[in-house]
Amino acid sequence: MSDKQTLEQIIKQQAATIQNLTDEIKLLLEQVQYLMQKRYGKSYEQMTQNS
């Protein structure tokens, strides 16, 4: 495998890793919002709408 092919493969792997981590972050943020809403209810909704 040439240097160029090796670099292209590394870039593809890194792009896939970045996408997976981005998806995981989105899921975790949704879970945090759900749990904050469940824990604090209406007061949390008001805090998020005012900011």
Protein backbone atom coordinates (compact mmCIF):
# COMPACT_ATOMS: atom_id res chain seq x y z
CA MET A 1 0.00 0.00 0.00
CA SER A 2 1.40 3.40 -0.94
CA ASP A 3 1.76 6.31 1.46
CA LYS A 4 -1.17 8.04 -0.22
CA GLN A 5 -3.41 4.98 0.17
CA THR A 6 -2.36 4.61 3.79
CA LEU A 7 -3.20 8.24 4.53
CA GLU A 8 -6.55 7.94 2.74
CA GLN A 9 -7.36 4.85 4.81
CA ILE A 10 -6.44 6.67 8.04
CA ILE A 11 -8.61 9.64 7.05
CA LYS A 12 -11.57 7.34 6.33
CA GLN A 13 -11.15 5.62 9.69
CA GLN A 14 -10.93 8.94 11.49
CA ALA A 15 -14.01 10.25 9.70
CA ALA A 16 -15.94 7.14 10.76
CA THR A 17 -14.73 7.56 14.34
CA ILE A 18 -15.75 11.22 14.36
CA GLN A 19 -19.21 10.34 13.05
CA ASN A 20 -19.66 7.61 15.66
CA LEU A 21 -18.59 9.95 18.46
CA THR A 22 -20.86 12.71 17.17
CA ASP A 23 -23.81 10.30 17.15
CA GLU A 24 -22.95 9.16 20.67
CA ILE A 25 -22.74 12.77 21.92
CA LYS A 26 -26.17 13.53 20.42
CA LEU A 27 -27.65 10.48 22.14
CA LEU A 28 -26.06 11.42 25.47
CA LEU A 29 -27.33 14.99 25.20
CA GLU A 30 -30.84 13.70 24.53
CA GLN A 31 -30.56 11.46 27.60
CA VAL A 32 -29.36 14.36 29.75
CA GLN A 33 -32.27 16.52 28.59
CA TYR A 34 -34.74 13.72 29.29
CA LEU A 35 -33.32 13.06 32.75
CA MET A 36 -33.18 16.77 33.63
CA GLN A 37 -36.80 17.15 32.50
CA LYS A 38 -37.79 14.09 34.50
CA ARG A 39 -35.87 15.27 37.58
CA TYR A 40 -36.79 18.95 37.59
CA GLY A 41 -39.99 19.01 35.51
CA LYS A 42 -41.51 22.39 34.76
CA SER A 43 -38.73 24.38 36.42
CA TYR A 44 -36.17 22.81 34.05
CA GLU A 45 -38.37 23.61 31.03
CA GLN A 46 -38.49 27.24 32.14
CA MET A 47 -34.69 27.35 32.60
CA THR A 48 -34.04 26.00 29.10
CA GLN A 49 -36.53 28.34 27.46
CA ASN A 50 -35.09 31.44 29.16
CA SER A 51 -31.47 30.77 28.15
